[in-house]
Amino acid sequence: MKREWSTALRITVVITLLSLVLFGMIGRKQWTLSTGTPVLLETQPVDPRSLFRGDYVRLNYTINTLETRQFPVLASVKRGDAIYMSLKKAESYWQPVNVAIERPDTDAVVLRGHVDRVMGQRWNNQTRKYDDVSQVQVKYGIENYFVPEGEGRAIERPAGGERVSIEVAVDSCGNAGIRAVLVNGQPRYVETLF
C-alpha cells in the first residue's frame, strides 16, 4: 500500500510541475504582450511550412542584420552573445539608435537579442583574435509567426503595393512578443490568449 501511494505521489508531483512550467510559459508571454511597449517593425517575410505545426511566416526584420560601421561595439561579439538594442520611434517604424553588450540604464525601449551569426570574420594569428567583422545577424525570438492553414502565402507574397509590418510588445526586460501582423497598417492577425 505504501509503495502504491509513493508512485501516485510521484506522478502527481511530475504532472503538477509540468503544468506549472506550461502555465509559466503562457503567463510570461501574456505579461510581455500586456505590459510591453508597442513597437512597429519593418519586415520582409518568408513563408516556410512545418509538417507538425502547420503554416507559419518566417519574419526577417531590417533590424536582424546590423552593420559594425554603424554600431562599432558589435565588432567584438561572437555567436550566442546577448545584445541590447535601444529603439526610438521614427516616421513609420521604430529604428535602432544604440546597441550595447550589457543592458543600458535608459528610459528608452530596449530590445534584447542574441547574436546568431557573425559575417566577415577572420582569424588573426598575430593578435590571436577574430577581426574584420562587418555584419552581425541577430535573433530576437519574434522571427516566426503561425497562421491558419493555407494563409501563409498571403503574408509572404502580399498583393502589389501591400506592405506587411509587425507590431511587437517589448517589456521592461527586453523580451518581445508579436502582438499583431499588419497589412497596409491594418491588423490582419492579432495575438490573443485563446
Protein backbone atom coordinates (compact mmCIF):
# COMPACT_ATOMS: atom_id res chain seq x y z
CA MET A 1 0.00 0.00 0.00
CA LYS A 2 2.80 2.40 0.88
CA ARG A 3 4.54 1.72 -2.44
CA GLU A 4 1.35 2.47 -4.42
CA TRP A 5 0.95 5.73 -2.52
CA SER A 6 4.55 6.66 -3.28
CA THR A 7 4.08 6.04 -7.03
CA ALA A 8 0.84 8.03 -7.12
CA LEU A 9 2.50 10.90 -5.26
CA ARG A 10 5.43 10.95 -7.70
CA ILE A 11 3.09 11.02 -10.71
CA THR A 12 1.07 13.84 -9.12
CA VAL A 13 4.24 15.86 -8.41
CA VAL A 14 5.51 15.41 -12.01
CA ILE A 15 2.15 16.41 -13.52
CA THR A 16 1.96 19.44 -11.21
CA LEU A 17 5.49 20.57 -12.12
CA LEU A 18 4.86 20.17 -15.86
CA SER A 19 1.62 22.13 -15.53
CA LEU A 20 3.38 24.92 -13.64
CA VAL A 21 6.07 25.15 -16.34
CA LEU A 22 3.43 25.32 -19.09
CA PHE A 23 1.39 27.98 -17.26
CA GLY A 24 4.59 29.90 -16.55
CA MET A 25 5.48 29.99 -20.25
CA ILE A 26 1.98 31.17 -21.17
CA GLY A 27 1.98 33.70 -18.34
CA ARG A 28 5.36 35.14 -19.33
CA LYS A 29 4.24 35.66 -22.93
CA GLN A 30 0.95 37.23 -21.84
CA TRP A 31 2.77 39.52 -19.40
CA THR A 32 5.03 40.71 -22.25
CA LEU A 33 2.09 41.28 -24.60
CA SER A 34 0.02 43.03 -21.91
CA THR A 35 2.64 45.27 -20.34
CA GLY A 36 5.11 45.76 -23.19
CA THR A 37 5.55 48.93 -25.21
CA PRO A 38 4.02 48.59 -28.69
CA VAL A 39 6.75 48.84 -31.35
CA LEU A 40 6.14 48.71 -35.12
CA LEU A 41 8.91 46.94 -37.06
CA GLU A 42 9.59 46.76 -40.78
CA THR A 43 9.81 43.22 -42.07
CA GLN A 44 10.44 41.11 -45.15
CA PRO A 45 8.54 37.85 -44.53
CA VAL A 46 9.31 34.42 -45.96
CA ASP A 47 6.79 31.57 -45.82
CA PRO A 48 8.02 28.09 -44.94
CA ARG A 49 5.79 25.28 -43.69
CA SER A 50 6.13 22.99 -40.70
CA LEU A 51 4.74 19.47 -41.01
CA PHE A 52 3.93 19.37 -37.30
CA ARG A 53 2.71 22.91 -36.66
CA GLY A 54 1.14 23.99 -39.97
CA ASP A 55 1.75 27.23 -41.83
CA TYR A 56 3.95 29.86 -40.34
CA VAL A 57 5.55 33.01 -41.60
CA ARG A 58 9.28 33.38 -41.04
CA LEU A 59 9.94 37.05 -40.49
CA ASN A 60 13.12 38.85 -41.41
CA TYR A 61 13.29 42.32 -39.88
CA THR A 62 15.51 45.14 -41.04
CA ILE A 63 16.99 45.11 -37.52
CA ASN A 64 18.09 41.46 -37.86
CA THR A 65 21.23 42.42 -39.79
CA LEU A 66 23.39 45.08 -38.13
CA GLU A 67 26.46 46.77 -39.59
CA THR A 68 29.54 47.14 -37.39
CA ARG A 69 30.33 50.51 -39.00
CA GLN A 70 27.03 51.80 -37.61
CA PHE A 71 27.42 50.05 -34.22
CA PRO A 72 31.19 49.53 -33.54
CA VAL A 73 30.55 47.60 -30.31
CA LEU A 74 29.42 44.68 -32.49
CA ALA A 75 32.95 44.14 -33.81
CA SER A 76 33.79 42.23 -30.61
CA VAL A 77 30.74 39.96 -30.34
CA LYS A 78 30.59 36.25 -31.06
CA ARG A 79 27.78 33.81 -31.76
CA GLY A 80 25.44 33.38 -28.80
CA ASP A 81 26.26 36.72 -27.15
CA ALA A 82 23.36 38.80 -25.87
CA ILE A 83 22.92 42.31 -27.23
CA TYR A 84 20.60 45.13 -26.21
CA MET A 85 19.21 47.46 -28.86
CA SER A 86 17.73 50.82 -27.88
CA LEU A 87 14.89 51.79 -30.21
CA LYS A 88 13.16 55.07 -30.99
CA LYS A 89 10.03 55.80 -32.95
CA ALA A 90 10.79 57.19 -36.40
CA GLU A 91 8.37 58.29 -39.10
CA SER A 92 6.77 54.90 -39.77
CA TYR A 93 8.82 52.25 -37.98
CA TRP A 94 10.91 52.11 -34.85
CA GLN A 95 14.65 52.33 -35.58
CA PRO A 96 17.77 51.29 -33.64
CA VAL A 97 19.70 54.16 -32.06
CA ASN A 98 22.22 52.27 -29.98
CA VAL A 99 23.46 48.73 -29.41
CA ALA A 100 25.13 47.59 -26.19
CA ILE A 101 26.57 44.36 -24.82
CA GLU A 102 25.04 44.98 -21.38
CA ARG A 103 21.56 46.28 -20.68
CA PRO A 104 21.74 50.08 -20.68
CA ASP A 105 20.18 52.11 -17.89
CA THR A 106 17.78 54.15 -20.00
CA ASP A 107 14.11 55.02 -20.29
CA ALA A 108 14.19 54.10 -23.99
CA VAL A 109 12.62 50.91 -25.30
CA VAL A 110 15.35 48.24 -25.21
CA LEU A 111 15.02 45.02 -27.21
CA ARG A 112 17.15 42.03 -26.19
CA GLY A 113 18.53 39.70 -28.85
CA HIS A 114 21.21 37.06 -29.36
CA VAL A 115 23.92 37.00 -31.99
CA ASP A 116 23.06 34.27 -34.46
CA ARG A 117 25.83 34.78 -36.98
CA VAL A 118 28.92 36.92 -37.42
CA MET A 119 29.80 37.73 -41.03
CA GLY A 120 33.12 38.86 -42.43
CA GLN A 121 35.06 37.44 -39.50
CA ARG A 122 38.64 36.21 -39.94
CA TRP A 123 41.16 34.73 -37.52
CA ASN A 124 44.17 36.98 -36.93
CA ASN A 125 47.24 34.88 -35.97
CA GLN A 126 49.20 37.90 -34.74
CA THR A 127 46.58 39.12 -32.28
CA ARG A 128 45.20 35.61 -31.71
CA LYS A 129 41.64 37.01 -32.13
CA TYR A 130 38.96 37.29 -34.77
CA ASP A 131 38.73 40.63 -36.53
CA ASP A 132 37.17 42.36 -39.55
CA VAL A 133 33.57 41.73 -38.52
CA SER A 134 31.36 43.63 -40.96
CA GLN A 135 27.83 42.42 -40.14
CA VAL A 136 26.10 40.66 -37.30
CA GLN A 137 22.88 38.65 -37.66
CA VAL A 138 20.71 38.95 -34.52
CA LYS A 139 17.62 36.96 -33.47
CA TYR A 140 15.03 38.43 -31.08
CA GLY A 141 12.65 35.48 -30.65
CA ILE A 142 10.00 37.08 -32.88
CA GLU A 143 11.11 35.62 -36.20
CA ASN A 144 8.26 33.07 -36.57
CA TYR A 145 4.51 33.60 -36.56
CA PHE A 146 1.98 30.80 -37.01
CA VAL A 147 -1.03 31.50 -39.23
CA PRO A 148 -4.15 29.49 -40.10
CA GLU A 149 -3.68 26.68 -42.60
CA GLY A 150 -3.24 27.95 -46.16
CA GLU A 151 -2.91 31.65 -45.25
CA GLY A 152 0.87 31.93 -45.01
CA ARG A 153 1.39 32.77 -48.69
CA ALA A 154 -0.84 35.86 -48.43
CA ILE A 155 1.59 37.28 -45.87
CA GLU A 156 4.69 36.04 -47.69
CA ARG A 157 3.69 37.49 -51.04
CA PRO A 158 1.41 40.46 -50.44
CA ALA A 159 -0.53 41.77 -53.43
CA GLY A 160 1.03 44.61 -55.40
CA GLY A 161 1.58 47.66 -53.23
CA GLU A 162 0.72 45.97 -49.92
CA ARG A 163 3.14 46.40 -47.02
CA VAL A 164 3.47 43.89 -44.20
CA SER A 165 4.65 45.15 -40.84
CA ILE A 166 4.70 43.63 -37.37
CA GLU A 167 3.63 45.19 -34.10
CA VAL A 168 5.56 43.70 -31.21
CA ALA A 169 5.34 44.34 -27.49
CA VAL A 170 8.67 44.89 -25.74
CA ASP A 171 8.59 44.50 -21.96
CA SER A 172 10.86 46.12 -19.38
CA CYS A 173 13.27 43.15 -19.51
CA GLY A 174 13.78 43.46 -23.28
CA ASN A 175 11.64 40.44 -24.17
CA ALA A 176 9.44 40.79 -27.24
CA GLY A 177 6.27 39.12 -28.43
CA ILE A 178 4.34 39.57 -31.66
CA ARG A 179 1.16 41.47 -30.91
CA ALA A 180 -0.21 41.83 -34.46
CA VAL A 181 0.56 41.30 -38.15
CA LEU A 182 -0.44 44.39 -40.12
CA VAL A 183 -1.05 44.69 -43.85
CA ASN A 184 -1.01 48.32 -45.03
CA GLY A 185 -1.30 49.41 -41.40
CA GLN A 186 -4.46 47.36 -40.76
CA PRO A 187 -4.37 44.34 -38.41
CA ARG A 188 -4.66 41.04 -40.28
CA TYR A 189 -3.83 38.80 -37.30
CA VAL A 190 -3.99 39.89 -33.65
CA GLU A 191 -2.48 37.76 -30.89
CA THR A 192 -4.88 36.79 -28.10
CA LEU A 193 -4.65 34.40 -25.18
CA PHE A 194 -7.13 31.91 -26.64
